[in-house]
Amino acid sequence: MAERSHAGGGMTRRQTLRLLGAAALAAAVGTGCRETAGPGPKSSVFVAKASGYDADLGDILRRGLAELGVSREELAGKRVLLKPNLVEPHAGAGHINTHPLVVRAAAEAFLAGGAASVLVAEGAGHRRDALLVLEESGLGEVLASEGLAFTDLNSGPVHLARNLGGVSKLGDLWLPEALAKVDLVVSVAKMKTHHWAGATLSMKNLFGVMPGAVYGWPKNVLHFAGIEPSILDIAATVRPGFAIVDGIVGMEGDGPIMGDPVAAGVLVMGRSCLAVDASCCRVMGIDPSRLGYLRGADGRLGTIDAARIEQRGEALAAVRRDFVLLDYVPAQHGIRLAS
């Protein structure tokens, strides 16, 4: 990719205008999470009920791919990278990390759909020992049983990529070479509230693709550059082609680590990270337009407008479960979705 440098501060008016211009550039080089313009719904999001992790998750995800029009011809021969959320691995703490059985089901669904290979990759935010992360999260055992490879995104070769967002002061982005060697990046996130971003879903999950060897632990450089501007820059640059959010057991309150488990009982998926995240917010009883990074991406990386998102599977009203929000956490103040 071409090289370019940017400097700047937070989400100023100037930076918002720069993101608008960067969206046009992103359209010229690929889509990923961006949607095409035109009348009617711009995105489709599939919502499925799942009573627990013992459900047939593979069948649910295969059905979701079919509902979203992901054909065997589209996936044929593709190399797929699944990026789960392993923010703070603790075996048995199913509300902190993407559940290993959701990762397994996603791998099954893409392989059954025609993908040539599936790689699981993560750059955990707090722990530097990738093997310990896999062991403590329970993911290592599942990957071994299924013969799935894992790559630690915190270390290894990196390349400098043009920052297609241009909102933060990060400048161009150092990305793992593993991302350049696959055809499809899938964000396999966890449905959680967040004490700095309001909610963490498929877009915020992309912090984990940023190598810790460059951006520190827990990705401190991204925090110093501003969490919301960094989310926008990373999402615009990495451009995942698909998102799956594990909301079977989510987290409410003081997320993304210290909150409490909440049985939302859903899996949410779609081609647009932004539309998926907006739908997840509505499941959680959160107004997506009240989250700065989702509002900043609206119209540039996709849509958060309910009228422009075609909901497939379960109706959002049928699965809404208002997550606990904390008034003393600024990012969660005033974001409740009206009834």
C-alpha atoms as a PDB file:
ATOM      1  CA  MET A   1       0.000   0.000   0.000  1.00  0.00           C
ATOM      2  CA  ALA A   2       1.072   3.576  -0.567  1.00  0.00           C
ATOM      3  CA  GLU A   3       2.471   5.553   2.309  1.00  0.00           C
ATOM      4  CA  ARG A   4       1.117   8.735   3.792  1.00  0.00           C
ATOM      5  CA  SER A   5       1.366  10.546   7.140  1.00  0.00           C
ATOM      6  CA  HIS A   6      -1.251  12.399   9.160  1.00  0.00           C
ATOM      7  CA  ALA A   7      -1.225  14.378  12.358  1.00  0.00           C
ATOM      8  CA  GLY A   8      -4.072  15.719  14.426  1.00  0.00           C
ATOM      9  CA  GLY A   9      -6.006  15.504  17.650  1.00  0.00           C
ATOM     10  CA  GLY A  10      -9.437  14.236  18.615  1.00  0.00           C
ATOM     11  CA  MET A  11     -12.709  14.148  16.719  1.00  0.00           C
ATOM     12  CA  THR A  12     -12.671  17.744  15.527  1.00  0.00           C
ATOM     13  CA  ARG A  13     -14.798  19.140  12.690  1.00  0.00           C
ATOM     14  CA  ARG A  14     -11.702  19.208  10.500  1.00  0.00           C
ATOM     15  CA  GLN A  15     -11.012  15.529  11.141  1.00  0.00           C
ATOM     16  CA  THR A  16     -14.631  14.595  10.462  1.00  0.00           C
ATOM     17  CA  LEU A  17     -14.316  16.300   7.064  1.00  0.00           C
ATOM     18  CA  ARG A  18     -11.063  14.432   6.474  1.00  0.00           C
ATOM     19  CA  LEU A  19     -12.834  11.142   7.178  1.00  0.00           C
ATOM     20  CA  LEU A  20     -15.486  12.069   4.619  1.00  0.00           C
ATOM     21  CA  GLY A  21     -12.762  12.595   2.033  1.00  0.00           C
ATOM     22  CA  ALA A  22     -11.020   9.387   3.048  1.00  0.00           C
ATOM     23  CA  ALA A  23     -14.238   7.463   2.438  1.00  0.00           C
ATOM     24  CA  ALA A  24     -14.063   8.393  -1.226  1.00  0.00           C
ATOM     25  CA  LEU A  25     -10.501   7.091  -1.315  1.00  0.00           C
ATOM     26  CA  ALA A  26     -11.595   3.863   0.375  1.00  0.00           C
ATOM     27  CA  ALA A  27     -14.248   3.422  -2.305  1.00  0.00           C
ATOM     28  CA  ALA A  28     -11.534   3.501  -4.942  1.00  0.00           C
ATOM     29  CA  VAL A  29      -9.464   0.744  -3.345  1.00  0.00           C
ATOM     30  CA  GLY A  30     -12.124  -1.602  -1.941  1.00  0.00           C
ATOM     31  CA  THR A  31     -15.243  -1.823   0.125  1.00  0.00           C
ATOM     32  CA  GLY A  32     -15.021  -4.167   3.130  1.00  0.00           C
ATOM     33  CA  CYS A  33     -17.342  -2.640   5.711  1.00  0.00           C
ATOM     34  CA  ARG A  34     -18.432   0.178   3.374  1.00  0.00           C
ATOM     35  CA  GLU A  35     -21.781  -0.105   1.617  1.00  0.00           C
ATOM     36  CA  THR A  36     -22.713   1.100  -1.833  1.00  0.00           C
ATOM     37  CA  ALA A  37     -25.007   4.079  -2.257  1.00  0.00           C
ATOM     38  CA  GLY A  38     -28.559   3.794  -3.550  1.00  0.00           C
ATOM     39  CA  PRO A  39     -32.205   3.736  -2.509  1.00  0.00           C
ATOM     40  CA  GLY A  40     -33.638   1.313   0.009  1.00  0.00           C
ATOM     41  CA  PRO A  41     -31.764  -0.685   2.661  1.00  0.00           C
ATOM     42  CA  LYS A  42     -27.995  -0.369   2.423  1.00  0.00           C
ATOM     43  CA  SER A  43     -27.153  -3.291   4.719  1.00  0.00           C
ATOM     44  CA  SER A  44     -28.578  -6.593   5.878  1.00  0.00           C
ATOM     45  CA  VAL A  45     -28.012  -7.924   9.383  1.00  0.00           C
ATOM     46  CA  PHE A  46     -28.964 -11.418  10.553  1.00  0.00           C
ATOM     47  CA  VAL A  47     -29.997 -11.913  14.181  1.00  0.00           C
ATOM     48  CA  ALA A  48     -30.465 -15.423  15.575  1.00  0.00           C
ATOM     49  CA  LYS A  49     -31.542 -16.664  18.960  1.00  0.00           C
ATOM     50  CA  ALA A  50     -29.143 -19.062  20.693  1.00  0.00           C
ATOM     51  CA  SER A  51     -30.117 -20.289  24.135  1.00  0.00           C
ATOM     52  CA  GLY A  52     -26.606 -21.375  25.051  1.00  0.00           C
ATOM     53  CA  TYR A  53     -23.229 -22.444  23.756  1.00  0.00           C
ATOM     54  CA  ASP A  54     -24.467 -26.026  23.542  1.00  0.00           C
ATOM     55  CA  ALA A  55     -26.799 -25.050  20.689  1.00  0.00           C
ATOM     56  CA  ASP A  56     -25.913 -25.989  17.113  1.00  0.00           C
ATOM     57  CA  LEU A  57     -23.968 -22.794  16.530  1.00  0.00           C
ATOM     58  CA  GLY A  58     -22.479 -24.022  13.276  1.00  0.00           C
ATOM     59  CA  ASP A  59     -25.953 -24.496  11.817  1.00  0.00           C
ATOM     60  CA  ILE A  60     -27.003 -21.029  13.000  1.00  0.00           C
ATOM     61  CA  LEU A  61     -24.006 -19.385  11.356  1.00  0.00           C
ATOM     62  CA  ARG A  62     -24.401 -21.369   8.130  1.00  0.00           C
ATOM     63  CA  ARG A  63     -28.019 -20.257   8.015  1.00  0.00           C
ATOM     64  CA  GLY A  64     -26.912 -16.685   8.606  1.00  0.00           C
ATOM     65  CA  LEU A  65     -24.449 -16.800   5.726  1.00  0.00           C
ATOM     66  CA  ALA A  66     -27.205 -18.098   3.456  1.00  0.00           C
ATOM     67  CA  GLU A  67     -29.691 -15.451   4.627  1.00  0.00           C
ATOM     68  CA  LEU A  68     -27.103 -12.759   3.890  1.00  0.00           C
ATOM     69  CA  GLY A  69     -26.488 -14.058   0.388  1.00  0.00           C
ATOM     70  CA  VAL A  70     -22.948 -15.316   0.965  1.00  0.00           C
ATOM     71  CA  SER A  71     -22.682 -17.931  -1.775  1.00  0.00           C
ATOM     72  CA  ARG A  72     -20.385 -20.888  -2.167  1.00  0.00           C
ATOM     73  CA  GLU A  73     -19.010 -19.250  -5.303  1.00  0.00           C
ATOM     74  CA  GLU A  74     -18.130 -16.151  -3.305  1.00  0.00           C
ATOM     75  CA  LEU A  75     -16.212 -18.111  -0.667  1.00  0.00           C
ATOM     76  CA  ALA A  76     -14.634 -20.693  -2.987  1.00  0.00           C
ATOM     77  CA  GLY A  77     -10.889 -20.838  -2.439  1.00  0.00           C
ATOM     78  CA  LYS A  78     -10.877 -17.906  -0.019  1.00  0.00           C
ATOM     79  CA  ARG A  79      -8.411 -17.697   2.870  1.00  0.00           C
ATOM     80  CA  VAL A  80     -10.385 -16.528   5.900  1.00  0.00           C
ATOM     81  CA  LEU A  81      -8.984 -14.915   9.059  1.00  0.00           C
ATOM     82  CA  LEU A  82     -11.186 -15.024  12.160  1.00  0.00           C
ATOM     83  CA  LYS A  83     -10.345 -12.343  14.715  1.00  0.00           C
ATOM     84  CA  PRO A  84     -11.934 -13.148  18.125  1.00  0.00           C
ATOM     85  CA  ASN A  85     -11.900 -10.912  21.196  1.00  0.00           C
ATOM     86  CA  LEU A  86      -9.452 -12.131  23.852  1.00  0.00           C
ATOM     87  CA  VAL A  87      -9.099  -9.000  25.916  1.00  0.00           C
ATOM     88  CA  GLU A  88      -8.411 -10.693  29.253  1.00  0.00           C
ATOM     89  CA  PRO A  89      -8.431 -14.482  29.032  1.00  0.00           C
ATOM     90  CA  HIS A  90     -10.015 -16.361  31.908  1.00  0.00           C
ATOM     91  CA  ALA A  91     -11.223 -19.919  31.436  1.00  0.00           C
ATOM     92  CA  GLY A  92     -14.890 -20.205  32.336  1.00  0.00           C
ATOM     93  CA  ALA A  93     -15.517 -16.436  32.241  1.00  0.00           C
ATOM     94  CA  GLY A  94     -17.704 -16.606  29.152  1.00  0.00           C
ATOM     95  CA  HIS A  95     -18.780 -12.968  29.320  1.00  0.00           C
ATOM     96  CA  ILE A  96     -15.277 -11.523  28.798  1.00  0.00           C
ATOM     97  CA  ASN A  97     -14.043 -13.129  25.585  1.00  0.00           C
ATOM     98  CA  THR A  98     -15.539 -14.473  22.382  1.00  0.00           C
ATOM     99  CA  HIS A  99     -16.537 -18.003  23.343  1.00  0.00           C
ATOM    100  CA  PRO A 100     -14.297 -20.697  21.810  1.00  0.00           C
ATOM    101  CA  LEU A 101     -17.351 -22.588  20.529  1.00  0.00           C
ATOM    102  CA  VAL A 102     -18.450 -19.515  18.562  1.00  0.00           C
ATOM    103  CA  VAL A 103     -14.990 -19.385  16.975  1.00  0.00           C
ATOM    104  CA  ARG A 104     -15.237 -23.090  16.127  1.00  0.00           C
ATOM    105  CA  ALA A 105     -18.715 -22.631  14.664  1.00  0.00           C
ATOM    106  CA  ALA A 106     -17.537 -19.712  12.521  1.00  0.00           C
ATOM    107  CA  ALA A 107     -14.665 -21.803  11.174  1.00  0.00           C
ATOM    108  CA  GLU A 108     -17.075 -24.647  10.401  1.00  0.00           C
ATOM    109  CA  ALA A 109     -19.486 -22.309   8.627  1.00  0.00           C
ATOM    110  CA  PHE A 110     -16.884 -20.711   6.360  1.00  0.00           C
ATOM    111  CA  LEU A 111     -15.206 -24.028   5.526  1.00  0.00           C
ATOM    112  CA  ALA A 112     -18.574 -25.624   4.780  1.00  0.00           C
ATOM    113  CA  GLY A 113     -19.338 -22.608   2.591  1.00  0.00           C
ATOM    114  CA  GLY A 114     -16.333 -23.266   0.382  1.00  0.00           C
ATOM    115  CA  ALA A 115     -13.448 -21.398   2.013  1.00  0.00           C
ATOM    116  CA  ALA A 116     -10.041 -22.954   1.341  1.00  0.00           C
ATOM    117  CA  SER A 117      -8.660 -22.275   4.819  1.00  0.00           C
ATOM    118  CA  VAL A 118      -9.435 -20.623   8.138  1.00  0.00           C
ATOM    119  CA  LEU A 119      -6.838 -18.956  10.335  1.00  0.00           C
ATOM    120  CA  VAL A 120      -7.620 -17.696  13.851  1.00  0.00           C
ATOM    121  CA  ALA A 121      -5.573 -14.654  14.836  1.00  0.00           C
ATOM    122  CA  GLU A 122      -5.521 -12.207  17.735  1.00  0.00           C
ATOM    123  CA  GLY A 123      -3.221  -9.717  19.386  1.00  0.00           C
ATOM    124  CA  ALA A 124      -4.436  -9.829  22.993  1.00  0.00           C
ATOM    125  CA  GLY A 125      -4.405  -6.478  24.744  1.00  0.00           C
ATOM    126  CA  HIS A 126      -3.097  -7.306  28.208  1.00  0.00           C
ATOM    127  CA  ARG A 127      -1.135 -10.551  27.975  1.00  0.00           C
ATOM    128  CA  ARG A 128       2.041 -10.855  25.900  1.00  0.00           C
ATOM    129  CA  ASP A 129       2.282 -14.652  26.115  1.00  0.00           C
ATOM    130  CA  ALA A 130       0.080 -15.912  23.260  1.00  0.00           C
ATOM    131  CA  LEU A 131       0.261 -19.533  24.436  1.00  0.00           C
ATOM    132  CA  LEU A 132      -0.927 -18.540  27.910  1.00  0.00           C
ATOM    133  CA  VAL A 133      -3.753 -16.540  26.336  1.00  0.00           C
ATOM    134  CA  LEU A 134      -4.887 -19.563  24.344  1.00  0.00           C
ATOM    135  CA  GLU A 135      -4.681 -21.866  27.358  1.00  0.00           C
ATOM    136  CA  GLU A 136      -6.498 -19.601  29.812  1.00  0.00           C
ATOM    137  CA  SER A 137      -9.247 -18.628  27.371  1.00  0.00           C
ATOM    138  CA  GLY A 138     -10.024 -22.239  26.475  1.00  0.00           C
ATOM    139  CA  LEU A 139      -9.537 -21.427  22.801  1.00  0.00           C
ATOM    140  CA  GLY A 140      -6.312 -23.391  22.465  1.00  0.00           C
ATOM    141  CA  GLU A 141      -7.987 -26.710  23.238  1.00  0.00           C
ATOM    142  CA  VAL A 142     -10.741 -26.039  20.692  1.00  0.00           C
ATOM    143  CA  LEU A 143      -8.292 -25.034  17.971  1.00  0.00           C
ATOM    144  CA  ALA A 144      -6.192 -28.123  18.596  1.00  0.00           C
ATOM    145  CA  SER A 145      -9.213 -30.422  18.429  1.00  0.00           C
ATOM    146  CA  GLU A 146     -10.327 -28.880  15.133  1.00  0.00           C
ATOM    147  CA  GLY A 147      -6.862 -28.611  13.581  1.00  0.00           C
ATOM    148  CA  LEU A 148      -7.152 -24.827  13.237  1.00  0.00           C
ATOM    149  CA  ALA A 149      -4.036 -22.677  13.075  1.00  0.00           C
ATOM    150  CA  PHE A 150      -3.467 -19.633  15.283  1.00  0.00           C
ATOM    151  CA  THR A 151      -1.327 -16.552  14.665  1.00  0.00           C
ATOM    152  CA  ASP A 152      -0.263 -14.076  17.330  1.00  0.00           C
ATOM    153  CA  LEU A 153      -0.809 -10.626  15.816  1.00  0.00           C
ATOM    154  CA  ASN A 154       1.204  -8.918  18.548  1.00  0.00           C
ATOM    155  CA  SER A 155       4.494 -10.121  17.096  1.00  0.00           C
ATOM    156  CA  GLY A 156       5.881 -11.120  13.733  1.00  0.00           C
ATOM    157  CA  PRO A 157       6.368  -9.256  10.449  1.00  0.00           C
ATOM    158  CA  VAL A 158       4.475  -6.002   9.902  1.00  0.00           C
ATOM    159  CA  HIS A 159       3.999  -3.597   7.006  1.00  0.00           C
ATOM    160  CA  LEU A 160       3.119   0.083   6.812  1.00  0.00           C
ATOM    161  CA  ALA A 161      -0.372   0.691   5.423  1.00  0.00           C
ATOM    162  CA  ARG A 162      -1.934   3.941   4.301  1.00  0.00           C
ATOM    163  CA  ASN A 163      -4.338   5.226   6.964  1.00  0.00           C
ATOM    164  CA  LEU A 164      -7.600   5.387   5.033  1.00  0.00           C
ATOM    165  CA  GLY A 165      -9.419   7.043   7.920  1.00  0.00           C
ATOM    166  CA  GLY A 166      -7.115   9.951   8.681  1.00  0.00           C
ATOM    167  CA  VAL A 167      -9.061  10.933  11.808  1.00  0.00           C
ATOM    168  CA  SER A 168      -6.606  10.211  14.608  1.00  0.00           C
ATOM    169  CA  LYS A 169      -3.021  11.347  15.099  1.00  0.00           C
ATOM    170  CA  LEU A 170      -1.721   7.830  14.465  1.00  0.00           C
ATOM    171  CA  GLY A 171      -0.418   8.528  10.976  1.00  0.00           C
ATOM    172  CA  ASP A 172      -0.004   5.512   8.741  1.00  0.00           C
ATOM    173  CA  LEU A 173      -0.718   2.178  10.413  1.00  0.00           C
ATOM    174  CA  TRP A 174       1.600  -0.744  11.062  1.00  0.00           C
ATOM    175  CA  LEU A 175      -0.387  -3.907  10.353  1.00  0.00           C
ATOM    176  CA  PRO A 176       0.573  -7.585  10.659  1.00  0.00           C
ATOM    177  CA  GLU A 177       1.622  -9.274   7.435  1.00  0.00           C
ATOM    178  CA  ALA A 178      -0.929 -11.979   8.271  1.00  0.00           C
ATOM    179  CA  LEU A 179      -3.704  -9.593   7.225  1.00  0.00           C
ATOM    180  CA  ALA A 180      -2.168  -9.172   3.773  1.00  0.00           C
ATOM    181  CA  LYS A 181      -2.026 -12.946   3.248  1.00  0.00           C
ATOM    182  CA  VAL A 182      -5.770 -13.608   3.578  1.00  0.00           C
ATOM    183  CA  ASP A 183      -8.760 -12.793   1.396  1.00  0.00           C
ATOM    184  CA  LEU A 184     -11.366 -12.152   4.079  1.00  0.00           C
ATOM    185  CA  VAL A 185     -11.023 -10.730   7.595  1.00  0.00           C
ATOM    186  CA  VAL A 186     -13.924 -11.564   9.909  1.00  0.00           C
ATOM    187  CA  SER A 187     -14.346  -9.735  13.208  1.00  0.00           C
ATOM    188  CA  VAL A 188     -15.726 -12.273  15.711  1.00  0.00           C
ATOM    189  CA  ALA A 189     -16.492  -9.976  18.599  1.00  0.00           C
ATOM    190  CA  LYS A 190     -18.173 -10.070  22.003  1.00  0.00           C
ATOM    191  CA  MET A 191     -21.275  -8.044  22.912  1.00  0.00           C
ATOM    192  CA  LYS A 192     -20.171  -5.829  25.801  1.00  0.00           C
ATOM    193  CA  THR A 193     -20.535  -2.402  27.302  1.00  0.00           C
ATOM    194  CA  HIS A 194     -17.344  -0.362  27.552  1.00  0.00           C
ATOM    195  CA  HIS A 195     -16.232   2.228  30.082  1.00  0.00           C
ATOM    196  CA  TRP A 196     -14.553   4.439  27.453  1.00  0.00           C
ATOM    197  CA  ALA A 197     -16.410   3.740  24.195  1.00  0.00           C
ATOM    198  CA  GLY A 198     -19.916   2.997  25.531  1.00  0.00           C
ATOM    199  CA  ALA A 199     -20.045  -0.382  23.801  1.00  0.00           C
ATOM    200  CA  THR A 200     -17.431  -2.680  22.272  1.00  0.00           C
ATOM    201  CA  LEU A 201     -18.520  -4.747  19.289  1.00  0.00           C
ATOM    202  CA  SER A 202     -17.074  -5.696  15.891  1.00  0.00           C
ATOM    203  CA  MET A 203     -15.379  -2.368  15.119  1.00  0.00           C
ATOM    204  CA  LYS A 204     -13.755  -1.892  18.534  1.00  0.00           C
ATOM    205  CA  ASN A 205     -12.651  -5.534  18.344  1.00  0.00           C
ATOM    206  CA  LEU A 206     -10.231  -4.492  15.601  1.00  0.00           C
ATOM    207  CA  PHE A 207      -7.888  -2.987  18.210  1.00  0.00           C
ATOM    208  CA  GLY A 208      -6.646  -6.565  18.522  1.00  0.00           C
ATOM    209  CA  VAL A 209      -5.224  -6.619  14.997  1.00  0.00           C
ATOM    210  CA  MET A 210      -2.785  -3.855  15.903  1.00  0.00           C
ATOM    211  CA  PRO A 211       0.583  -5.397  16.859  1.00  0.00           C
ATOM    212  CA  GLY A 212       1.516  -4.937  20.497  1.00  0.00           C
ATOM    213  CA  ALA A 213       5.175  -4.817  19.490  1.00  0.00           C
ATOM    214  CA  VAL A 214       4.372  -1.471  17.851  1.00  0.00           C
ATOM    215  CA  TYR A 215       1.356  -0.151  19.772  1.00  0.00           C
ATOM    216  CA  GLY A 216       2.121  -1.448  23.277  1.00  0.00           C
ATOM    217  CA  TRP A 217       0.036  -3.121  25.963  1.00  0.00           C
ATOM    218  CA  PRO A 218      -2.855  -2.682  26.372  1.00  0.00           C
ATOM    219  CA  LYS A 219      -2.462  -0.974  22.981  1.00  0.00           C
ATOM    220  CA  ASN A 220      -1.596   2.241  24.818  1.00  0.00           C
ATOM    221  CA  VAL A 221      -0.601   4.141  21.675  1.00  0.00           C
ATOM    222  CA  LEU A 222      -4.165   3.765  20.394  1.00  0.00           C
ATOM    223  CA  HIS A 223      -5.544   5.060  23.682  1.00  0.00           C
ATOM    224  CA  PHE A 224      -3.241   8.064  23.637  1.00  0.00           C
ATOM    225  CA  ALA A 225      -4.324   8.832  20.058  1.00  0.00           C
ATOM    226  CA  GLY A 226      -7.978   8.690  21.135  1.00  0.00           C
ATOM    227  CA  ILE A 227     -10.035   5.521  21.290  1.00  0.00           C
ATOM    228  CA  GLU A 228     -12.859   6.676  19.026  1.00  0.00           C
ATOM    229  CA  PRO A 229     -10.648   8.261  16.310  1.00  0.00           C
ATOM    230  CA  SER A 230      -8.453   5.147  16.398  1.00  0.00           C
ATOM    231  CA  ILE A 231     -11.472   2.859  15.950  1.00  0.00           C
ATOM    232  CA  LEU A 232     -12.469   4.833  12.862  1.00  0.00           C
ATOM    233  CA  ASP A 233      -8.985   4.773  11.344  1.00  0.00           C
ATOM    234  CA  ILE A 234      -8.456   1.057  11.935  1.00  0.00           C
ATOM    235  CA  ALA A 235     -11.898   0.079  10.609  1.00  0.00           C
ATOM    236  CA  ALA A 236     -11.451   2.215   7.476  1.00  0.00           C
ATOM    237  CA  THR A 237      -8.014   0.742   6.811  1.00  0.00           C
ATOM    238  CA  VAL A 238      -8.440  -2.953   7.685  1.00  0.00           C
ATOM    239  CA  ARG A 239     -11.912  -3.126   6.082  1.00  0.00           C
ATOM    240  CA  PRO A 240     -13.181  -6.473   7.454  1.00  0.00           C
ATOM    241  CA  GLY A 241     -15.540  -8.133   5.026  1.00  0.00           C
ATOM    242  CA  PHE A 242     -17.763  -9.727   7.656  1.00  0.00           C
ATOM    243  CA  ALA A 243     -18.698  -9.450  11.332  1.00  0.00           C
ATOM    244  CA  ILE A 244     -20.077 -11.907  13.869  1.00  0.00           C
ATOM    245  CA  VAL A 245     -20.941 -10.817  17.415  1.00  0.00           C
ATOM    246  CA  ASP A 246     -21.266 -13.317  20.268  1.00  0.00           C
ATOM    247  CA  GLY A 247     -24.155 -12.092  22.387  1.00  0.00           C
ATOM    248  CA  ILE A 248     -25.160 -15.466  23.791  1.00  0.00           C
ATOM    249  CA  VAL A 249     -23.659 -14.304  27.071  1.00  0.00           C
ATOM    250  CA  GLY A 250     -22.583 -10.682  26.937  1.00  0.00           C
ATOM    251  CA  MET A 251     -21.271  -8.192  29.470  1.00  0.00           C
ATOM    252  CA  GLU A 252     -23.074  -5.256  31.041  1.00  0.00           C
ATOM    253  CA  GLY A 253     -21.979  -2.507  33.402  1.00  0.00           C
ATOM    254  CA  ASP A 254     -18.261  -1.861  33.785  1.00  0.00           C
ATOM    255  CA  GLY A 255     -17.064  -3.529  30.588  1.00  0.00           C
ATOM    256  CA  PRO A 256     -14.999  -4.654  28.815  1.00  0.00           C
ATOM    257  CA  ILE A 257     -13.457  -6.682  31.671  1.00  0.00           C
ATOM    258  CA  MET A 258     -14.995  -5.873  35.045  1.00  0.00           C
ATOM    259  CA  GLY A 259     -18.679  -5.999  34.085  1.00  0.00           C
ATOM    260  CA  ASP A 260     -21.277  -8.651  34.832  1.00  0.00           C
ATOM    261  CA  PRO A 261     -22.546 -11.444  32.575  1.00  0.00           C
ATOM    262  CA  VAL A 262     -25.906 -10.974  30.864  1.00  0.00           C
ATOM    263  CA  ALA A 263     -27.674 -13.700  28.903  1.00  0.00           C
ATOM    264  CA  ALA A 264     -28.732 -11.886  25.751  1.00  0.00           C
ATOM    265  CA  GLY A 265     -29.077 -15.174  23.859  1.00  0.00           C
ATOM    266  CA  VAL A 266     -28.213 -13.921  20.363  1.00  0.00           C
ATOM    267  CA  LEU A 267     -25.703 -14.148  17.563  1.00  0.00           C
ATOM    268  CA  VAL A 268     -25.581 -11.142  15.223  1.00  0.00           C
ATOM    269  CA  MET A 269     -23.830 -11.131  11.854  1.00  0.00           C
ATOM    270  CA  GLY A 270     -23.510  -9.246   8.584  1.00  0.00           C
ATOM    271  CA  ARG A 271     -21.231  -7.910   5.889  1.00  0.00           C
ATOM    272  CA  SER A 272     -21.136  -4.393   7.371  1.00  0.00           C
ATOM    273  CA  CYS A 273     -19.373  -4.001  10.698  1.00  0.00           C
ATOM    274  CA  LEU A 274     -21.115  -0.692  11.269  1.00  0.00           C
ATOM    275  CA  ALA A 275     -24.624  -2.000  10.589  1.00  0.00           C
ATOM    276  CA  VAL A 276     -23.945  -5.075  12.745  1.00  0.00           C
ATOM    277  CA  ASP A 277     -22.745  -2.880  15.606  1.00  0.00           C
ATOM    278  CA  ALA A 278     -25.770  -0.585  15.285  1.00  0.00           C
ATOM    279  CA  SER A 279     -28.093  -3.599  15.454  1.00  0.00           C
ATOM    280  CA  CYS A 280     -26.190  -4.997  18.447  1.00  0.00           C
ATOM    281  CA  CYS A 281     -26.598  -1.664  20.218  1.00  0.00           C
ATOM    282  CA  ARG A 282     -30.349  -1.836  19.680  1.00  0.00           C
ATOM    283  CA  VAL A 283     -30.388  -5.373  21.099  1.00  0.00           C
ATOM    284  CA  MET A 284     -28.538  -3.981  24.141  1.00  0.00           C
ATOM    285  CA  GLY A 285     -30.966  -1.083  24.546  1.00  0.00           C
ATOM    286  CA  ILE A 286     -28.340   1.439  23.418  1.00  0.00           C
ATOM    287  CA  ASP A 287     -28.919   4.209  20.893  1.00  0.00           C
ATOM    288  CA  PRO A 288     -26.100   3.800  18.332  1.00  0.00           C
ATOM    289  CA  SER A 289     -26.300   7.474  17.390  1.00  0.00           C
ATOM    290  CA  ARG A 290     -25.185   8.312  20.950  1.00  0.00           C
ATOM    291  CA  LEU A 291     -21.858   6.515  20.517  1.00  0.00           C
ATOM    292  CA  GLY A 292     -19.338   8.901  19.016  1.00  0.00           C
ATOM    293  CA  TYR A 293     -17.441   6.429  16.860  1.00  0.00           C
ATOM    294  CA  LEU A 294     -20.605   4.907  15.378  1.00  0.00           C
ATOM    295  CA  ARG A 295     -22.020   8.348  14.670  1.00  0.00           C
ATOM    296  CA  GLY A 296     -18.699   9.386  13.122  1.00  0.00           C
ATOM    297  CA  ALA A 297     -18.689   6.343  10.821  1.00  0.00           C
ATOM    298  CA  ASP A 298     -22.327   6.752   9.745  1.00  0.00           C
ATOM    299  CA  GLY A 299     -22.553   7.521   6.052  1.00  0.00           C
ATOM    300  CA  ARG A 300     -18.834   6.941   5.616  1.00  0.00           C
ATOM    301  CA  LEU A 301     -18.201   3.321   6.580  1.00  0.00           C
ATOM    302  CA  GLY A 302     -21.815   2.211   6.274  1.00  0.00           C
ATOM    303  CA  THR A 303     -25.041   3.116   8.042  1.00  0.00           C
ATOM    304  CA  ILE A 304     -26.495   3.056  11.547  1.00  0.00           C
ATOM    305  CA  ASP A 305     -29.942   4.199  10.372  1.00  0.00           C
ATOM    306  CA  ALA A 306     -32.516   1.550  11.323  1.00  0.00           C
ATOM    307  CA  ALA A 307     -34.522   2.408   8.221  1.00  0.00           C
ATOM    308  CA  ARG A 308     -31.523   1.579   6.003  1.00  0.00           C
ATOM    309  CA  ILE A 309     -30.715  -1.739   7.688  1.00  0.00           C
ATOM    310  CA  GLU A 310     -32.681  -4.809   6.625  1.00  0.00           C
ATOM    311  CA  GLN A 311     -33.067  -7.001   9.697  1.00  0.00           C
ATOM    312  CA  ARG A 312     -33.195 -10.707   8.923  1.00  0.00           C
ATOM    313  CA  GLY A 313     -33.902 -13.523  11.334  1.00  0.00           C
ATOM    314  CA  GLU A 314     -35.275 -12.306  14.658  1.00  0.00           C
ATOM    315  CA  ALA A 315     -36.866  -8.888  15.007  1.00  0.00           C
ATOM    316  CA  LEU A 316     -34.775  -6.643  17.252  1.00  0.00           C
ATOM    317  CA  ALA A 317     -37.741  -5.915  19.520  1.00  0.00           C
ATOM    318  CA  ALA A 318     -38.113  -9.638  20.172  1.00  0.00           C
ATOM    319  CA  VAL A 319     -34.540 -10.039  21.432  1.00  0.00           C
ATOM    320  CA  ARG A 320     -33.923  -6.658  23.057  1.00  0.00           C
ATOM    321  CA  ARG A 321     -32.375  -6.984  26.478  1.00  0.00           C
ATOM    322  CA  ASP A 322     -31.444  -3.658  28.055  1.00  0.00           C
ATOM    323  CA  PHE A 323     -27.888  -3.993  29.327  1.00  0.00           C
ATOM    324  CA  VAL A 324     -27.091  -2.266  32.615  1.00  0.00           C
ATOM    325  CA  LEU A 325     -25.507   1.149  32.032  1.00  0.00           C
ATOM    326  CA  LEU A 326     -23.649   3.075  34.716  1.00  0.00           C
ATOM    327  CA  ASP A 327     -24.509   6.746  35.197  1.00  0.00           C
ATOM    328  CA  TYR A 328     -21.101   7.438  36.717  1.00  0.00           C
ATOM    329  CA  VAL A 329     -19.325   6.201  33.571  1.00  0.00           C
ATOM    330  CA  PRO A 330     -19.311   9.172  31.172  1.00  0.00           C
ATOM    331  CA  ALA A 331     -19.273   7.020  28.027  1.00  0.00           C
ATOM    332  CA  GLN A 332     -22.453   5.252  29.165  1.00  0.00           C
ATOM    333  CA  HIS A 333     -24.328   8.342  30.292  1.00  0.00           C
ATOM    334  CA  GLY A 334     -27.377   9.230  28.179  1.00  0.00           C
ATOM    335  CA  ILE A 335     -26.978   6.457  25.610  1.00  0.00           C
ATOM    336  CA  ARG A 336     -30.108   4.449  26.488  1.00  0.00           C
ATOM    337  CA  LEU A 337     -32.318   3.691  23.469  1.00  0.00           C
ATOM    338  CA  ALA A 338     -35.830   5.072  23.843  1.00  0.00           C
ATOM    339  CA  SER A 339     -38.545   2.449  24.244  1.00  0.00           C
END
